Structures are given as structure tokens and as C-alpha cells.
Amino acid sequence: MDVGHEERRRLLSANALFDGLAADQLDEILAVTRERRFADRQVIFQKGDMGGGMLLVVRGRIKISVYSEAGREIVFEFIGPGQFLGEIALLDGRERTANATAAGECLVLVIERQAFLALVRRTPDIAINMMAVLCRRLREAAGLAESIAFLETPCRLARLLTTLAARHGTKIDSGVRIDIDLSQRDLGNLIAANRESVNRQLRAWTAENLIATENGTIVIRDPTAMADIGQIEPD
């Protein structure tokens, strides 16, 4: 799982947070990062933990979730290679707002808060990029809340599958394979629906040849039709 300096720099440059930074600026950031590895299902941090740093995923995926008082897990999203997590606690130094758990073996780069703030003081463009990233997160959260409040389960599920395909998908001959291991309960948690409703809808779409299951993963056979069901406007 080892990665070289060039790949680390590429991952940084591909992230919106460091968009537009020169190679020497990226190298300065890499100089204050450290590697951490996590086993499958290992807890990375929990809601309420003090936020000591921000994590860039290099390999693997990380599940972001919270638990209700009744013990039900609600999954917000999965963070994949090239994506950050922990930026809110990084900025304000307060408690983590959710749980982070490794979904498979993971390799991450950690940027500690004090080192990051020192970088921001020297490179104000990072602060501008950070504001844009946080605004996008707020828009996504508002969109999720709106879809849960106003859209039926098939539409919400179609939106989720389309988003997962865009972020974690691989194009194959039969469509787009979602390269992430999610149970039907996981899918239901992501759209605030029960497992039975998800199962029923997936079976209906399979019968209509919109999706297929291959080696435990979902393949979207007709991405355009799925986006239409999800009422997603084309780019």
C-alpha cells in the first residue's frame, strides 16, 4: 500500500482544497503530513473526539456515520481516495461531528491542525479554497435533507446510486460498476429508508434490466435511465 511522493502530490493537487497551488507549495504541505494505516472496520475517530487533524484518503474508503439514541447507525457517506475528512474539527479545534470507520484496509495522510493553520497563514489561497469546499458540503447537506423530506424512496435510491457511480464507479461493458461494498441496510441508511424498501426496489430494477449484481457489487446497466429516475439534471 506504499505510495510515492509523486502520487501523494497528485492526490493533493486533484483535491479542490489545494486547487491552483504550485508544486513547491504542495511539497510544503506534504512535508507536514504523516501516514496512518487502518484495518478493515477499525474505528478512526468517534463523534465527540477532539479534532486533532484532517485526513486525506490515499487507499481504501472510510465510512462516515452517527448512531441514534436507539443504537441505529445512520451512514452519511463514504470517503474515497483523494478526498478529505475531518475538516470541520480541523478549523475550529472542537469535537468530531461524526464517526469515521475504515471500510476495508485504508492508508491516509494526516495533516495536524497547528501545521495546517500555519500553512494557511503563509498560503491564503488555501483558506479561500476551504471556504468553497465547506460551502459545497453545506449545499450537499441541504440537498440531502430536501430529498429525504420531499422525494419518494425510488427517487432517493436512484440519486444515491448515481452519485456512488460517479464517485466510486468503473465503466465496464455492461454499464457502470459501483466499486464499494454496501449492504442493502447501508443503502437504506444513506437515504433514510428501511432495508425492505431498498430490497424491493433493487429487485424491481433488476427485473427491468436497469441494474445487475456482480460479485456482490451493483452494476448500473442504464446510467441515463437511473439519473432520470433520480430527477438529476444533466451537466
Protein backbone atom coordinates (compact mmCIF):
# COMPACT_ATOMS: atom_id res chain seq x y z
CA MET A 1 0.00 0.00 0.00
CA ASP A 2 3.03 2.26 -0.07
CA VAL A 3 2.71 5.37 -2.24
CA GLY A 4 5.43 7.59 -3.58
CA HIS A 5 5.89 11.33 -3.34
CA GLU A 6 4.55 11.99 -6.83
CA GLU A 7 1.31 10.13 -6.19
CA ARG A 8 0.80 11.97 -2.92
CA ARG A 9 1.33 15.27 -4.70
CA ARG A 10 -1.11 14.23 -7.43
CA LEU A 11 -3.77 13.40 -4.85
CA LEU A 12 -3.33 16.78 -3.19
CA SER A 13 -3.43 18.71 -6.45
CA ALA A 14 -6.60 16.88 -7.55
CA ASN A 15 -8.46 17.99 -4.42
CA ALA A 16 -10.44 21.22 -4.50
CA LEU A 17 -8.86 22.31 -1.23
CA PHE A 18 -5.44 22.67 -2.87
CA ASP A 19 -6.58 23.67 -6.34
CA GLY A 20 -4.18 26.04 -8.08
CA LEU A 21 -1.22 25.55 -5.73
CA ALA A 22 2.26 25.27 -7.19
CA ALA A 23 4.37 22.13 -6.86
CA ASP A 24 6.60 23.68 -4.19
CA GLN A 25 3.52 24.64 -2.16
CA LEU A 26 2.18 21.09 -2.39
CA ASP A 27 5.56 19.76 -1.29
CA GLU A 28 5.42 22.09 1.72
CA ILE A 29 2.08 20.56 2.68
CA LEU A 30 3.38 17.01 2.20
CA ALA A 31 6.31 17.81 4.47
CA VAL A 32 3.97 18.23 7.44
CA THR A 33 1.84 15.13 6.81
CA ARG A 34 2.24 11.68 8.30
CA GLU A 35 0.93 8.30 7.21
CA ARG A 36 -1.53 6.18 9.14
CA ARG A 37 -2.91 2.77 8.27
CA PHE A 38 -6.18 1.26 9.42
CA ALA A 39 -7.54 -2.28 9.22
CA ASP A 40 -10.99 -3.08 7.89
CA ARG A 41 -13.72 -1.86 10.31
CA GLN A 42 -11.17 -0.15 12.55
CA VAL A 43 -12.53 2.99 14.21
CA ILE A 44 -10.56 6.03 13.06
CA PHE A 45 -12.34 8.52 15.30
CA GLN A 46 -15.69 8.80 17.05
CA LYS A 47 -18.23 11.57 17.35
CA GLY A 48 -17.20 13.74 20.30
CA ASP A 49 -13.46 13.05 20.00
CA MET A 50 -11.32 16.16 19.89
CA GLY A 51 -10.33 17.02 16.33
CA GLY A 52 -6.59 16.88 16.02
CA GLY A 53 -6.21 16.87 12.25
CA MET A 54 -7.59 16.37 8.78
CA LEU A 55 -7.20 13.12 6.85
CA LEU A 56 -6.60 12.62 3.12
CA VAL A 57 -7.57 9.15 1.93
CA VAL A 58 -4.84 7.57 -0.20
CA ARG A 59 -6.06 3.97 -0.35
CA GLY A 60 -9.34 2.38 0.68
CA ARG A 61 -12.57 4.02 1.84
CA ILE A 62 -13.86 5.44 5.11
CA LYS A 63 -17.46 5.33 6.31
CA ILE A 64 -18.86 8.46 7.95
CA SER A 65 -21.82 7.80 10.25
CA VAL A 66 -23.59 8.59 13.51
CA TYR A 67 -25.70 6.49 15.88
CA SER A 68 -29.17 7.34 17.14
CA GLU A 69 -30.09 7.04 20.82
CA ALA A 70 -31.69 3.71 19.95
CA GLY A 71 -28.38 2.46 18.52
CA ARG A 72 -29.31 2.68 14.84
CA GLU A 73 -26.43 3.64 12.58
CA ILE A 74 -27.08 6.39 10.05
CA VAL A 75 -24.47 6.47 7.28
CA PHE A 76 -23.76 9.88 5.74
CA GLU A 77 -21.24 8.97 3.05
CA PHE A 78 -18.14 7.03 2.09
CA ILE A 79 -14.89 8.95 1.60
CA GLY A 80 -12.60 7.54 -1.10
CA PRO A 81 -9.07 8.14 -2.43
CA GLY A 82 -8.26 11.82 -2.94
CA GLN A 83 -11.00 13.01 -0.57
CA PHE A 84 -10.62 14.65 2.84
CA LEU A 85 -12.44 14.16 6.10
CA GLY A 86 -12.25 15.97 9.42
CA GLU A 87 -12.01 19.48 8.02
CA ILE A 88 -14.63 20.97 10.37
CA ALA A 89 -12.80 19.92 13.54
CA LEU A 90 -9.55 20.93 11.88
CA LEU A 91 -10.74 24.52 11.58
CA ASP A 92 -12.39 25.06 14.95
CA GLY A 93 -10.42 22.57 17.06
CA ARG A 94 -13.60 21.23 18.61
CA GLU A 95 -15.21 17.79 18.76
CA ARG A 96 -15.69 15.49 15.79
CA THR A 97 -19.23 15.69 14.42
CA ALA A 98 -19.47 12.05 13.26
CA ASN A 99 -17.82 8.64 13.45
CA ALA A 100 -15.23 7.51 10.90
CA THR A 101 -14.63 3.79 10.33
CA ALA A 102 -12.38 2.06 7.81
CA ALA A 103 -14.34 0.24 5.10
CA GLY A 104 -11.55 -2.11 4.09
CA GLU A 105 -7.84 -1.55 4.65
CA CYS A 106 -7.03 2.16 4.48
CA LEU A 107 -3.99 4.36 4.10
CA VAL A 108 -4.39 8.04 4.94
CA LEU A 109 -2.25 11.13 5.22
CA VAL A 110 -2.84 13.18 8.37
CA ILE A 111 -2.38 16.96 8.44
CA GLU A 112 -2.32 18.16 12.05
CA ARG A 113 -4.27 21.28 12.95
CA GLN A 114 -1.40 23.52 14.03
CA ALA A 115 0.67 22.67 10.96
CA PHE A 116 -2.34 23.30 8.71
CA LEU A 117 -3.13 26.67 10.28
CA ALA A 118 0.49 27.70 9.82
CA LEU A 119 0.23 26.76 6.13
CA VAL A 120 -2.96 28.79 5.76
CA ARG A 121 -1.25 31.86 7.18
CA ARG A 122 1.51 31.52 4.59
CA THR A 123 -0.79 30.49 1.73
CA PRO A 124 -4.13 32.37 1.94
CA ASP A 125 -5.39 30.63 -1.22
CA ILE A 126 -5.91 27.52 0.91
CA ALA A 127 -8.38 29.44 3.10
CA ILE A 128 -10.32 30.57 0.03
CA ASN A 129 -10.43 27.01 -1.28
CA MET A 130 -11.52 25.75 2.14
CA MET A 131 -14.48 28.14 2.15
CA ALA A 132 -15.53 26.84 -1.27
CA VAL A 133 -15.26 23.22 -0.06
CA LEU A 134 -17.33 23.91 3.05
CA CYS A 135 -19.97 25.75 1.02
CA ARG A 136 -20.24 22.74 -1.27
CA ARG A 137 -20.67 20.46 1.75
CA LEU A 138 -23.46 22.71 3.04
CA ARG A 139 -25.21 22.59 -0.33
CA GLU A 140 -24.93 18.80 -0.42
CA ALA A 141 -26.33 18.53 3.11
CA ALA A 142 -29.23 20.82 2.20
CA GLY A 143 -29.89 18.77 -0.93
CA LEU A 144 -29.91 15.55 1.10
CA ALA A 145 -32.33 16.99 3.64
CA GLU A 146 -34.59 18.18 0.84
CA SER A 147 -34.59 14.81 -0.92
CA ILE A 148 -35.42 12.94 2.31
CA ALA A 149 -38.27 15.35 3.03
CA PHE A 150 -39.86 15.54 -0.42
CA LEU A 151 -38.76 12.61 -2.62
CA GLU A 152 -40.03 9.03 -2.64
CA THR A 153 -37.72 6.10 -1.93
CA PRO A 154 -37.13 5.10 -5.61
CA CYS A 155 -36.01 8.62 -6.45
CA ARG A 156 -33.74 8.87 -3.42
CA LEU A 157 -32.21 5.46 -4.13
CA ALA A 158 -31.65 6.33 -7.80
CA ARG A 159 -29.91 9.55 -6.78
CA LEU A 160 -27.71 7.66 -4.36
CA LEU A 161 -26.69 5.00 -6.90
CA THR A 162 -25.94 7.67 -9.49
CA THR A 163 -23.78 9.57 -7.00
CA LEU A 164 -21.95 6.41 -5.90
CA ALA A 165 -21.32 5.50 -9.53
CA ALA A 166 -19.84 8.94 -10.19
CA ARG A 167 -17.57 8.81 -7.14
CA HIS A 168 -16.71 5.12 -6.89
CA GLY A 169 -17.71 3.67 -10.26
CA THR A 170 -15.80 1.86 -13.01
CA LYS A 171 -17.07 1.70 -16.58
CA ILE A 172 -17.39 -1.88 -17.83
CA ASP A 173 -19.01 -3.47 -20.88
CA SER A 174 -22.34 -3.99 -19.10
CA GLY A 175 -22.55 -0.49 -17.59
CA VAL A 176 -21.00 1.19 -14.55
CA ARG A 177 -19.91 -0.97 -11.61
CA ILE A 178 -20.05 0.64 -8.15
CA ASP A 179 -16.76 -0.46 -6.58
CA ILE A 180 -17.81 -0.26 -2.98
CA ASP A 181 -19.20 -2.99 -0.73
CA LEU A 182 -22.55 -1.79 0.57
CA SER A 183 -25.27 -3.90 2.11
CA GLN A 184 -28.92 -3.12 1.50
CA ARG A 185 -29.05 -1.86 5.07
CA ASP A 186 -26.15 0.51 4.28
CA LEU A 187 -28.01 1.82 1.23
CA GLY A 188 -31.12 2.30 3.32
CA ASN A 189 -29.19 4.19 5.99
CA LEU A 190 -27.80 6.54 3.34
CA ILE A 191 -31.28 7.54 2.16
CA ALA A 192 -33.27 7.17 5.41
CA ALA A 193 -35.18 4.12 4.19
CA ASN A 194 -35.58 0.61 5.60
CA ARG A 195 -33.78 -2.41 4.16
CA GLU A 196 -37.01 -3.98 2.93
CA SER A 197 -37.87 -0.97 0.76
CA VAL A 198 -34.38 -0.96 -0.73
CA ASN A 199 -34.52 -4.69 -1.40
CA ARG A 200 -37.89 -4.39 -3.10
CA GLN A 201 -36.73 -1.55 -5.34
CA LEU A 202 -33.45 -3.23 -6.29
CA ARG A 203 -35.32 -6.40 -7.27
CA ALA A 204 -37.72 -4.37 -9.42
CA TRP A 205 -34.85 -2.60 -11.20
CA THR A 206 -33.08 -5.92 -11.72
CA ALA A 207 -36.21 -7.32 -13.37
CA GLU A 208 -36.32 -4.23 -15.60
CA ASN A 209 -32.62 -4.76 -16.51
CA LEU A 210 -31.69 -1.33 -15.11
CA ILE A 211 -29.19 -2.86 -12.70
CA ALA A 212 -27.42 -6.15 -12.05
CA THR A 213 -25.42 -7.65 -9.21
CA GLU A 214 -21.95 -8.97 -9.99
CA ASN A 215 -19.71 -10.45 -7.28
CA GLY A 216 -21.56 -8.56 -4.58
CA THR A 217 -21.40 -5.18 -6.30
CA ILE A 218 -24.12 -3.25 -8.11
CA VAL A 219 -23.79 -2.56 -11.82
CA ILE A 220 -25.94 0.21 -13.28
CA ARG A 221 -26.78 -1.04 -16.76
CA ASP A 222 -28.50 2.17 -17.86
CA PRO A 223 -26.96 5.18 -16.07
CA THR A 224 -29.07 7.65 -18.05
CA ALA A 225 -32.32 5.98 -17.04
CA MET A 226 -31.16 5.81 -13.42
CA ALA A 227 -30.36 9.53 -13.43
CA ASP A 228 -33.80 10.21 -14.88
CA ILE A 229 -35.46 8.25 -12.07
CA GLY A 230 -33.43 10.27 -9.60
CA GLN A 231 -34.55 13.51 -11.28
CA ILE A 232 -30.93 14.50 -11.80
CA GLU A 233 -30.38 17.28 -14.28
CA PRO A 234 -27.64 16.56 -16.87
CA ASP A 235 -24.42 18.57 -16.57
